[in-house]
Amino acid sequence: MQGQGAMAVRELARRAGRDVKRVHEDVQVLTEPGLVERDDAGGVLCPFADVHIDMHVHHENVAA
């Protein structure tokens, strides 16, 4: 998606091989922190040339 310009959610779903509804939900989540943007026509674009995410995931054993 990077460097491809804005594209419709349907086209993004087609390229990813995923359901349009799920891709739309993902776009909504990724828009909140600014990882993707929507243009005036509703197209989705990634405004970055590179994205690096560093995170730690810790699982605690919880007794049932």
PDB file of N, CA and C in Angstrom:
ATOM      1  N   MET A   1       0.822  -1.190   0.000  1.00  0.00           N
ATOM      2  CA  MET A   1       0.000   0.000   0.000  1.00  0.00           C
ATOM      3  C   MET A   1       0.867   1.255   0.000  1.00  0.00           C
ATOM      4  N   GLN A   2       2.051   1.147   0.586  1.00  0.00           N
ATOM      5  CA  GLN A   2       2.938   2.303   0.620  1.00  0.00           C
ATOM      6  C   GLN A   2       3.371   2.659  -0.797  1.00  0.00           C
ATOM      7  N   GLY A   3       3.286   3.934  -1.138  1.00  0.00           N
ATOM      8  CA  GLY A   3       3.715   4.402  -2.446  1.00  0.00           C
ATOM      9  C   GLY A   3       2.721   4.115  -3.551  1.00  0.00           C
ATOM     10  N   GLN A   4       1.571   3.545  -3.244  1.00  0.00           N
ATOM     11  CA  GLN A   4       0.565   3.220  -4.255  1.00  0.00           C
ATOM     12  C   GLN A   4      -0.457   4.328  -4.429  1.00  0.00           C
ATOM     13  N   GLY A   5      -0.419   5.340  -3.578  1.00  0.00           N
ATOM     14  CA  GLY A   5      -1.447   6.376  -3.616  1.00  0.00           C
ATOM     15  C   GLY A   5      -2.717   5.856  -2.966  1.00  0.00           C
ATOM     16  N   ALA A   6      -3.749   6.691  -2.974  1.00  0.00           N
ATOM     17  CA  ALA A   6      -5.016   6.311  -2.348  1.00  0.00           C
ATOM     18  C   ALA A   6      -5.700   5.218  -3.156  1.00  0.00           C
ATOM     19  N   MET A   7      -6.333   4.297  -2.456  1.00  0.00           N
ATOM     20  CA  MET A   7      -7.111   3.260  -3.132  1.00  0.00           C
ATOM     21  C   MET A   7      -8.372   2.976  -2.329  1.00  0.00           C
ATOM     22  N   ALA A   8      -9.373   2.491  -3.010  1.00  0.00           N
ATOM     23  CA  ALA A   8     -10.643   2.162  -2.374  1.00  0.00           C
ATOM     24  C   ALA A   8     -10.468   0.954  -1.459  1.00  0.00           C
ATOM     25  N   VAL A   9     -11.290   0.890  -0.430  1.00  0.00           N
ATOM     26  CA  VAL A   9     -11.252  -0.234   0.499  1.00  0.00           C
ATOM     27  C   VAL A   9     -11.485  -1.540  -0.259  1.00  0.00           C
ATOM     28  N   ARG A  10     -12.393  -1.536  -1.219  1.00  0.00           N
ATOM     29  CA  ARG A  10     -12.680  -2.744  -1.999  1.00  0.00           C
ATOM     30  C   ARG A  10     -11.428  -3.222  -2.743  1.00  0.00           C
ATOM     31  N   GLU A  11     -10.681  -2.288  -3.330  1.00  0.00           N
ATOM     32  CA  GLU A  11      -9.452  -2.653  -4.046  1.00  0.00           C
ATOM     33  C   GLU A  11      -8.390  -3.155  -3.070  1.00  0.00           C
ATOM     34  N   LEU A  12      -8.286  -2.516  -1.931  1.00  0.00           N
ATOM     35  CA  LEU A  12      -7.348  -2.953  -0.910  1.00  0.00           C
ATOM     36  C   LEU A  12      -7.680  -4.373  -0.448  1.00  0.00           C
ATOM     37  N   ALA A  13      -8.965  -4.655  -0.245  1.00  0.00           N
ATOM     38  CA  ALA A  13      -9.397  -5.997   0.153  1.00  0.00           C
ATOM     39  C   ALA A  13      -9.075  -7.018  -0.935  1.00  0.00           C
ATOM     40  N   ARG A  14      -9.288  -6.647  -2.196  1.00  0.00           N
ATOM     41  CA  ARG A  14      -8.993  -7.554  -3.305  1.00  0.00           C
ATOM     42  C   ARG A  14      -7.513  -7.904  -3.336  1.00  0.00           C
ATOM     43  N   ARG A  15      -6.667  -6.891  -3.186  1.00  0.00           N
ATOM     44  CA  ARG A  15      -5.217  -7.125  -3.216  1.00  0.00           C
ATOM     45  C   ARG A  15      -4.746  -7.963  -2.033  1.00  0.00           C
ATOM     46  N   ALA A  16      -5.397  -7.784  -0.889  1.00  0.00           N
ATOM     47  CA  ALA A  16      -5.009  -8.531   0.316  1.00  0.00           C
ATOM     48  C   ALA A  16      -5.679  -9.906   0.380  1.00  0.00           C
ATOM     49  N   GLY A  17      -6.663 -10.137  -0.489  1.00  0.00           N
ATOM     50  CA  GLY A  17      -7.380 -11.404  -0.462  1.00  0.00           C
ATOM     51  C   GLY A  17      -8.234 -11.563   0.782  1.00  0.00           C
ATOM     52  N   ARG A  18      -8.807 -10.445   1.233  1.00  0.00           N
ATOM     53  CA  ARG A  18      -9.599 -10.454   2.467  1.00  0.00           C
ATOM     54  C   ARG A  18     -10.985  -9.893   2.215  1.00  0.00           C
ATOM     55  N   ASP A  19     -11.888 -10.141   3.136  1.00  0.00           N
ATOM     56  CA  ASP A  19     -13.261  -9.660   3.080  1.00  0.00           C
ATOM     57  C   ASP A  19     -13.296  -8.131   3.199  1.00  0.00           C
ATOM     58  N   VAL A  20     -14.126  -7.488   2.386  1.00  0.00           N
ATOM     59  CA  VAL A  20     -14.218  -6.025   2.377  1.00  0.00           C
ATOM     60  C   VAL A  20     -14.610  -5.484   3.754  1.00  0.00           C
ATOM     61  N   LYS A  21     -15.562  -6.126   4.404  1.00  0.00           N
ATOM     62  CA  LYS A  21     -16.013  -5.662   5.720  1.00  0.00           C
ATOM     63  C   LYS A  21     -14.862  -5.666   6.732  1.00  0.00           C
ATOM     64  N   ARG A  22     -14.081  -6.720   6.729  1.00  0.00           N
ATOM     65  CA  ARG A  22     -12.955  -6.824   7.677  1.00  0.00           C
ATOM     66  C   ARG A  22     -11.881  -5.781   7.370  1.00  0.00           C
ATOM     67  N   VAL A  23     -11.601  -5.559   6.095  1.00  0.00           N
ATOM     68  CA  VAL A  23     -10.611  -4.546   5.722  1.00  0.00           C
ATOM     69  C   VAL A  23     -11.109  -3.164   6.131  1.00  0.00           C
ATOM     70  N   HIS A  24     -12.388  -2.897   5.949  1.00  0.00           N
ATOM     71  CA  HIS A  24     -12.960  -1.614   6.378  1.00  0.00           C
ATOM     72  C   HIS A  24     -12.774  -1.427   7.877  1.00  0.00           C
ATOM     73  N   GLU A  25     -13.024  -2.485   8.659  1.00  0.00           N
ATOM     74  CA  GLU A  25     -12.821  -2.411  10.108  1.00  0.00           C
ATOM     75  C   GLU A  25     -11.361  -2.153  10.441  1.00  0.00           C
ATOM     76  N   ASP A  26     -10.449  -2.832   9.750  1.00  0.00           N
ATOM     77  CA  ASP A  26      -9.011  -2.630   9.973  1.00  0.00           C
ATOM     78  C   ASP A  26      -8.606  -1.194   9.661  1.00  0.00           C
ATOM     79  N   VAL A  27      -9.129  -0.657   8.571  1.00  0.00           N
ATOM     80  CA  VAL A  27      -8.810   0.721   8.182  1.00  0.00           C
ATOM     81  C   VAL A  27      -9.274   1.684   9.262  1.00  0.00           C
ATOM     82  N   GLN A  28     -10.458   1.462   9.819  1.00  0.00           N
ATOM     83  CA  GLN A  28     -10.943   2.324  10.892  1.00  0.00           C
ATOM     84  C   GLN A  28      -9.992   2.303  12.088  1.00  0.00           C
ATOM     85  N   VAL A  29      -9.523   1.114  12.459  1.00  0.00           N
ATOM     86  CA  VAL A  29      -8.603   0.985  13.598  1.00  0.00           C
ATOM     87  C   VAL A  29      -7.271   1.658  13.293  1.00  0.00           C
ATOM     88  N   LEU A  30      -6.744   1.456  12.082  1.00  0.00           N
ATOM     89  CA  LEU A  30      -5.439   2.017  11.720  1.00  0.00           C
ATOM     90  C   LEU A  30      -5.487   3.525  11.487  1.00  0.00           C
ATOM     91  N   THR A  31      -6.674   4.069  11.236  1.00  0.00           N
ATOM     92  CA  THR A  31      -6.823   5.516  11.052  1.00  0.00           C
ATOM     93  C   THR A  31      -6.694   6.256  12.381  1.00  0.00           C
ATOM     94  N   GLU A  32      -7.168   5.635  13.457  1.00  0.00           N
ATOM     95  CA  GLU A  32      -7.144   6.294  14.770  1.00  0.00           C
ATOM     96  C   GLU A  32      -5.746   6.754  15.186  1.00  0.00           C
ATOM     97  N   PRO A  33      -4.710   5.897  15.115  1.00  0.00           N
ATOM     98  CA  PRO A  33      -3.366   6.367  15.486  1.00  0.00           C
ATOM     99  C   PRO A  33      -2.627   7.044  14.326  1.00  0.00           C
ATOM    100  N   GLY A  34      -3.271   7.179  13.165  1.00  0.00           N
ATOM    101  CA  GLY A  34      -2.644   7.870  12.043  1.00  0.00           C
ATOM    102  C   GLY A  34      -1.758   7.003  11.165  1.00  0.00           C
ATOM    103  N   LEU A  35      -1.872   5.672  11.269  1.00  0.00           N
ATOM    104  CA  LEU A  35      -1.046   4.791  10.443  1.00  0.00           C
ATOM    105  C   LEU A  35      -1.504   4.781   8.991  1.00  0.00           C
ATOM    106  N   VAL A  36      -2.801   5.007   8.768  1.00  0.00           N
ATOM    107  CA  VAL A  36      -3.327   5.216   7.421  1.00  0.00           C
ATOM    108  C   VAL A  36      -4.234   6.428   7.479  1.00  0.00           C
ATOM    109  N   GLU A  37      -4.496   7.022   6.322  1.00  0.00           N
ATOM    110  CA  GLU A  37      -5.354   8.195   6.227  1.00  0.00           C
ATOM    111  C   GLU A  37      -6.422   7.953   5.177  1.00  0.00           C
ATOM    112  N   ARG A  38      -7.511   8.701   5.257  1.00  0.00           N
ATOM    113  CA  ARG A  38      -8.566   8.666   4.247  1.00  0.00           C
ATOM    114  C   ARG A  38      -8.525   9.998   3.499  1.00  0.00           C
ATOM    115  N   ASP A  39      -8.663   9.958   2.170  1.00  0.00           N
ATOM    116  CA  ASP A  39      -8.721  11.196   1.413  1.00  0.00           C
ATOM    117  C   ASP A  39     -10.174  11.668   1.307  1.00  0.00           C
ATOM    118  N   ASP A  40     -10.397  12.798   0.652  1.00  0.00           N
ATOM    119  CA  ASP A  40     -11.743  13.370   0.555  1.00  0.00           C
ATOM    120  C   ASP A  40     -12.726  12.449  -0.166  1.00  0.00           C
ATOM    121  N   ALA A  41     -12.228  11.605  -1.050  1.00  0.00           N
ATOM    122  CA  ALA A  41     -13.084  10.688  -1.804  1.00  0.00           C
ATOM    123  C   ALA A  41     -13.290   9.367  -1.065  1.00  0.00           C
ATOM    124  N   GLY A  42     -12.691   9.217   0.138  1.00  0.00           N
ATOM    125  CA  GLY A  42     -12.837   7.985   0.907  1.00  0.00           C
ATOM    126  C   GLY A  42     -11.754   6.970   0.647  1.00  0.00           C
ATOM    127  N   GLY A  43     -10.785   7.301  -0.224  1.00  0.00           N
ATOM    128  CA  GLY A  43      -9.682   6.392  -0.490  1.00  0.00           C
ATOM    129  C   GLY A  43      -8.768   6.269   0.718  1.00  0.00           C
ATOM    130  N   VAL A  44      -8.063   5.168   0.786  1.00  0.00           N
ATOM    131  CA  VAL A  44      -7.160   4.880   1.903  1.00  0.00           C
ATOM    132  C   VAL A  44      -5.731   5.009   1.409  1.00  0.00           C
ATOM    133  N   LEU A  45      -4.876   5.671   2.197  1.00  0.00           N
ATOM    134  CA  LEU A  45      -3.474   5.769   1.823  1.00  0.00           C
ATOM    135  C   LEU A  45      -2.591   5.729   3.048  1.00  0.00           C
ATOM    136  N   CYS A  46      -1.365   5.264   2.825  1.00  0.00           N
ATOM    137  CA  CYS A  46      -0.356   5.229   3.880  1.00  0.00           C
ATOM    138  C   CYS A  46       0.612   6.374   3.601  1.00  0.00           C
ATOM    139  N   PRO A  47       0.661   7.374   4.487  1.00  0.00           N
ATOM    140  CA  PRO A  47       1.477   8.557   4.226  1.00  0.00           C
ATOM    141  C   PRO A  47       2.967   8.387   4.536  1.00  0.00           C
ATOM    142  N   PHE A  48       3.391   7.171   4.836  1.00  0.00           N
ATOM    143  CA  PHE A  48       4.768   6.939   5.248  1.00  0.00           C
ATOM    144  C   PHE A  48       5.521   6.080   4.242  1.00  0.00           C
ATOM    145  N   ALA A  49       6.809   6.331   4.112  1.00  0.00           N
ATOM    146  CA  ALA A  49       7.663   5.495   3.262  1.00  0.00           C
ATOM    147  C   ALA A  49       8.096   4.243   4.017  1.00  0.00           C
ATOM    148  N   ASP A  50       8.104   4.322   5.351  1.00  0.00           N
ATOM    149  CA  ASP A  50       8.559   3.207   6.171  1.00  0.00           C
ATOM    150  C   ASP A  50       7.820   3.254   7.501  1.00  0.00           C
ATOM    151  N   VAL A  51       7.423   2.103   8.005  1.00  0.00           N
ATOM    152  CA  VAL A  51       6.766   2.016   9.307  1.00  0.00           C
ATOM    153  C   VAL A  51       7.498   0.959  10.132  1.00  0.00           C
ATOM    154  N   HIS A  52       7.922   1.344  11.330  1.00  0.00           N
ATOM    155  CA  HIS A  52       8.580   0.415  12.252  1.00  0.00           C
ATOM    156  C   HIS A  52       7.781   0.420  13.541  1.00  0.00           C
ATOM    157  N   ILE A  53       7.342  -0.754  13.961  1.00  0.00           N
ATOM    158  CA  ILE A  53       6.582  -0.877  15.199  1.00  0.00           C
ATOM    159  C   ILE A  53       7.351  -1.813  16.119  1.00  0.00           C
ATOM    160  N   ASP A  54       7.636  -1.332  17.313  1.00  0.00           N
ATOM    161  CA  ASP A  54       8.363  -2.103  18.312  1.00  0.00           C
ATOM    162  C   ASP A  54       7.430  -2.306  19.493  1.00  0.00           C
ATOM    163  N   MET A  55       7.116  -3.561  19.797  1.00  0.00           N
ATOM    164  CA  MET A  55       6.208  -3.811  20.906  1.00  0.00           C
ATOM    165  C   MET A  55       6.576  -5.094  21.629  1.00  0.00           C
ATOM    166  N   HIS A  56       6.180  -5.150  22.861  1.00  0.00           N
ATOM    167  CA  HIS A  56       6.388  -6.330  23.683  1.00  0.00           C
ATOM    168  C   HIS A  56       5.025  -6.908  24.032  1.00  0.00           C
ATOM    169  N   VAL A  57       4.908  -8.219  23.932  1.00  0.00           N
ATOM    170  CA  VAL A  57       3.680  -8.901  24.283  1.00  0.00           C
ATOM    171  C   VAL A  57       4.004  -9.849  25.425  1.00  0.00           C
ATOM    172  N   HIS A  58       3.287  -9.704  26.500  1.00  0.00           N
ATOM    173  CA  HIS A  58       3.515 -10.523  27.681  1.00  0.00           C
ATOM    174  C   HIS A  58       2.230 -11.248  28.024  1.00  0.00           C
ATOM    175  N   HIS A  59       2.318 -12.550  28.154  1.00  0.00           N
ATOM    176  CA  HIS A  59       1.155 -13.350  28.507  1.00  0.00           C
ATOM    177  C   HIS A  59       1.313 -13.836  29.932  1.00  0.00           C
ATOM    178  N   GLU A  60       0.338 -13.535  30.763  1.00  0.00           N
ATOM    179  CA  GLU A  60       0.349 -14.038  32.137  1.00  0.00           C
ATOM    180  C   GLU A  60      -0.580 -15.236  32.219  1.00  0.00           C
ATOM    181  N   ASN A  61      -0.130 -16.266  32.902  1.00  0.00           N
ATOM    182  CA  ASN A  61      -1.000 -17.415  33.129  1.00  0.00           C
ATOM    183  C   ASN A  61      -2.032 -17.034  34.179  1.00  0.00           C
ATOM    184  N   VAL A  62      -3.283 -17.173  33.819  1.00  0.00           N
ATOM    185  CA  VAL A  62      -4.367 -16.816  34.721  1.00  0.00           C
ATOM    186  C   VAL A  62      -5.095 -18.102  35.112  1.00  0.00           C
ATOM    187  N   ALA A  63      -5.224 -18.317  36.404  1.00  0.00           N
ATOM    188  CA  ALA A  63      -5.919 -19.522  36.871  1.00  0.00           C
ATOM    189  C   ALA A  63      -7.404 -19.403  36.534  1.00  0.00           C
ATOM    190  N   ALA A  64      -7.968 -20.512  36.063  1.00  0.00           N
ATOM    191  CA  ALA A  64      -9.383 -20.507  35.668  1.00  0.00           C
ATOM    192  C   ALA A  64     -10.321 -20.590  36.812  1.00  0.00           C
TER     193      ALA A  64
END
